[in-house]
C-alpha cells in the first residue's frame, strides 16, 4: 500500500535524500486534501498517478503518459 523512501529512490533512479524530498512534496499535496500522511512513505497509487499519468485539459481525465 505504501512505498518507502528506498523503493521511491530505486524506481525513480535518484538518491535517497532526493527521494525524501519528493515524498515530502507529495505528502504535502495529500495533506491539503485531508489525508493522513506518514513521513518517509507515500501511497503507492498516488505516487504512480503523479509520475506515470498526465491529465489533459481536453479530456479532463487521465491519459497514460511517460516521464
N, C-alpha and C. Protein backbone atom coordinates (compact mmCIF):
# COMPACT_ATOMS: atom_id res chain seq x y z
N UNK A 1 0.82 -1.19 0.00
CA UNK A 1 0.00 0.00 0.00
C UNK A 1 0.87 1.27 0.00
N UNK A 2 1.92 1.29 0.81
CA UNK A 2 2.82 2.44 0.87
C UNK A 2 4.18 2.07 0.31
N UNK A 3 4.82 3.06 -0.30
CA UNK A 3 6.19 2.89 -0.77
C UNK A 3 7.10 3.57 0.25
N UNK A 4 8.20 2.91 0.57
CA UNK A 4 9.20 3.50 1.45
C UNK A 4 10.20 4.29 0.60
N UNK A 5 10.98 5.11 1.25
CA UNK A 5 11.89 6.00 0.54
C UNK A 5 12.87 5.24 -0.34
N UNK A 6 13.35 4.09 0.11
CA UNK A 6 14.31 3.32 -0.68
C UNK A 6 13.69 2.86 -2.00
N UNK A 7 12.42 2.46 -1.94
CA UNK A 7 11.72 2.00 -3.13
C UNK A 7 11.49 3.15 -4.11
N UNK A 8 11.15 4.32 -3.59
CA UNK A 8 10.97 5.50 -4.44
C UNK A 8 12.29 5.86 -5.11
N UNK A 9 13.38 5.86 -4.34
CA UNK A 9 14.70 6.19 -4.88
C UNK A 9 15.08 5.23 -6.01
N UNK A 10 14.84 3.94 -5.79
CA UNK A 10 15.20 2.95 -6.79
C UNK A 10 14.34 3.10 -8.04
N UNK A 11 13.04 3.26 -7.88
CA UNK A 11 12.15 3.36 -9.03
C UNK A 11 12.41 4.62 -9.86
N UNK A 12 12.75 5.72 -9.19
CA UNK A 12 12.99 6.98 -9.90
C UNK A 12 14.45 7.14 -10.33
N UNK A 13 15.33 6.30 -9.81
CA UNK A 13 16.74 6.39 -10.16
C UNK A 13 17.40 7.63 -9.56
N UNK A 14 17.00 7.96 -8.32
CA UNK A 14 17.54 9.14 -7.63
C UNK A 14 18.14 8.72 -6.30
N UNK A 15 18.82 9.66 -5.64
CA UNK A 15 19.40 9.38 -4.34
C UNK A 15 18.30 9.31 -3.27
N UNK A 16 18.61 8.68 -2.15
CA UNK A 16 17.67 8.58 -1.04
C UNK A 16 17.29 9.98 -0.51
N UNK A 17 18.25 10.90 -0.33
CA UNK A 17 17.85 12.24 0.12
C UNK A 17 16.87 12.93 -0.83
N UNK A 18 17.08 12.76 -2.15
CA UNK A 18 16.16 13.37 -3.11
C UNK A 18 14.79 12.69 -3.06
N UNK A 19 14.79 11.38 -2.84
CA UNK A 19 13.52 10.66 -2.72
C UNK A 19 12.74 11.17 -1.51
N UNK A 20 13.43 11.47 -0.41
CA UNK A 20 12.76 12.07 0.75
C UNK A 20 12.12 13.40 0.36
N UNK A 21 12.83 14.19 -0.43
CA UNK A 21 12.31 15.48 -0.87
C UNK A 21 11.03 15.29 -1.70
N UNK A 22 11.05 14.33 -2.62
CA UNK A 22 9.87 14.04 -3.43
C UNK A 22 8.69 13.60 -2.56
N UNK A 23 8.97 12.72 -1.61
CA UNK A 23 7.92 12.22 -0.73
C UNK A 23 7.33 13.34 0.10
N UNK A 24 8.17 14.23 0.62
CA UNK A 24 7.66 15.37 1.40
C UNK A 24 6.73 16.22 0.55
N UNK A 25 7.12 16.47 -0.70
CA UNK A 25 6.29 17.28 -1.60
C UNK A 25 4.95 16.60 -1.87
N UNK A 26 4.99 15.31 -2.18
CA UNK A 26 3.75 14.58 -2.46
C UNK A 26 2.86 14.49 -1.21
N UNK A 27 3.48 14.26 -0.05
CA UNK A 27 2.69 14.18 1.18
C UNK A 27 2.04 15.52 1.51
N UNK A 28 2.71 16.61 1.16
CA UNK A 28 2.13 17.93 1.38
C UNK A 28 0.85 18.09 0.54
N UNK A 29 0.90 17.60 -0.71
CA UNK A 29 -0.28 17.64 -1.57
C UNK A 29 -1.41 16.80 -0.98
N UNK A 30 -1.07 15.63 -0.47
CA UNK A 30 -2.09 14.76 0.12
C UNK A 30 -2.70 15.37 1.37
N UNK A 31 -1.88 16.02 2.19
CA UNK A 31 -2.37 16.64 3.43
C UNK A 31 -3.43 17.70 3.15
N UNK A 32 -3.24 18.46 2.08
CA UNK A 32 -4.19 19.51 1.70
C UNK A 32 -5.57 18.90 1.43
N UNK A 33 -5.61 17.68 0.93
CA UNK A 33 -6.89 17.03 0.63
C UNK A 33 -7.51 16.38 1.87
N UNK A 34 -6.80 16.46 3.01
CA UNK A 34 -7.33 15.89 4.24
C UNK A 34 -6.82 14.51 4.58
N UNK A 35 -5.92 13.99 3.76
CA UNK A 35 -5.37 12.65 4.02
C UNK A 35 -4.34 12.72 5.15
N UNK A 36 -4.26 11.63 5.88
CA UNK A 36 -3.22 11.49 6.90
C UNK A 36 -2.00 10.89 6.20
N UNK A 37 -0.83 11.47 6.45
CA UNK A 37 0.39 11.01 5.79
C UNK A 37 1.37 10.45 6.81
N UNK A 38 2.32 9.67 6.32
CA UNK A 38 3.37 9.09 7.15
C UNK A 38 4.71 9.55 6.58
N UNK A 39 5.54 10.15 7.41
CA UNK A 39 6.84 10.64 6.97
C UNK A 39 7.67 9.50 6.39
N UNK A 40 8.28 9.74 5.23
CA UNK A 40 9.15 8.75 4.61
C UNK A 40 8.41 7.68 3.84
N UNK A 41 7.09 7.81 3.72
CA UNK A 41 6.29 6.84 2.96
C UNK A 41 5.26 7.60 2.13
N UNK A 42 4.90 7.01 0.99
CA UNK A 42 3.91 7.63 0.12
C UNK A 42 2.96 6.54 -0.39
N UNK A 43 1.70 6.91 -0.52
CA UNK A 43 0.71 5.99 -1.05
C UNK A 43 1.12 5.57 -2.46
N UNK A 44 1.19 4.27 -2.69
CA UNK A 44 1.67 3.73 -3.96
C UNK A 44 0.83 4.21 -5.14
N UNK A 45 -0.48 4.19 -5.01
CA UNK A 45 -1.37 4.59 -6.10
C UNK A 45 -1.17 6.07 -6.43
N UNK A 46 -1.10 6.93 -5.41
CA UNK A 46 -0.91 8.36 -5.63
C UNK A 46 0.43 8.62 -6.31
N UNK A 47 1.47 7.93 -5.87
CA UNK A 47 2.80 8.07 -6.46
C UNK A 47 2.76 7.75 -7.95
N UNK A 48 2.16 6.62 -8.30
CA UNK A 48 2.13 6.22 -9.70
C UNK A 48 1.25 7.16 -10.53
N UNK A 49 0.18 7.67 -9.97
CA UNK A 49 -0.65 8.63 -10.69
C UNK A 49 0.13 9.91 -10.98
N UNK A 50 0.91 10.38 -10.02
CA UNK A 50 1.64 11.63 -10.19
C UNK A 50 2.80 11.49 -11.18
N UNK A 51 3.44 10.34 -11.25
CA UNK A 51 4.62 10.22 -12.09
C UNK A 51 4.39 9.49 -13.41
N UNK A 52 3.32 8.75 -13.55
CA UNK A 52 3.14 7.97 -14.77
C UNK A 52 1.87 8.27 -15.53
N UNK A 53 1.08 9.24 -15.09
CA UNK A 53 -0.12 9.63 -15.82
C UNK A 53 -0.13 11.14 -15.96
N UNK A 54 -0.72 11.61 -17.06
CA UNK A 54 -0.85 13.05 -17.26
C UNK A 54 -2.31 13.38 -17.46
N UNK A 55 -2.75 14.51 -16.93
CA UNK A 55 -4.12 14.96 -17.07
C UNK A 55 -4.16 15.93 -18.23
N UNK A 56 -5.07 15.70 -19.16
CA UNK A 56 -5.18 16.60 -20.30
C UNK A 56 -6.39 17.50 -20.10
N UNK A 57 -6.31 18.73 -20.58
CA UNK A 57 -7.41 19.68 -20.42
C UNK A 57 -8.61 19.27 -21.26
N UNK A 58 -8.39 18.75 -22.45
CA UNK A 58 -9.49 18.39 -23.34
C UNK A 58 -10.33 17.25 -22.78
N UNK A 59 -9.68 16.26 -22.23
CA UNK A 59 -10.40 15.08 -21.75
C UNK A 59 -10.86 15.23 -20.32
N UNK A 60 -10.14 16.00 -19.52
CA UNK A 60 -10.49 16.16 -18.11
C UNK A 60 -10.21 14.92 -17.29
N UNK A 61 -9.61 13.92 -17.90
CA UNK A 61 -9.30 12.68 -17.19
C UNK A 61 -7.82 12.37 -17.29
N UNK A 62 -7.47 11.15 -16.96
CA UNK A 62 -6.08 10.77 -17.01
C UNK A 62 -5.79 10.03 -18.29
N UNK A 63 -4.62 10.28 -18.83
CA UNK A 63 -4.19 9.62 -20.04
C UNK A 63 -2.80 9.08 -19.77
N UNK A 64 -2.55 7.87 -20.20
CA UNK A 64 -1.25 7.25 -19.98
C UNK A 64 -0.17 8.08 -20.65
N UNK A 65 0.89 8.37 -19.92
CA UNK A 65 2.00 9.17 -20.45
C UNK A 65 3.31 8.62 -19.95
N UNK A 66 4.38 9.23 -20.35
CA UNK A 66 5.68 8.78 -19.89
C UNK A 66 6.43 9.95 -19.30
N UNK A 67 7.36 9.62 -18.42
CA UNK A 67 8.14 10.64 -17.75
C UNK A 67 9.50 10.71 -18.37
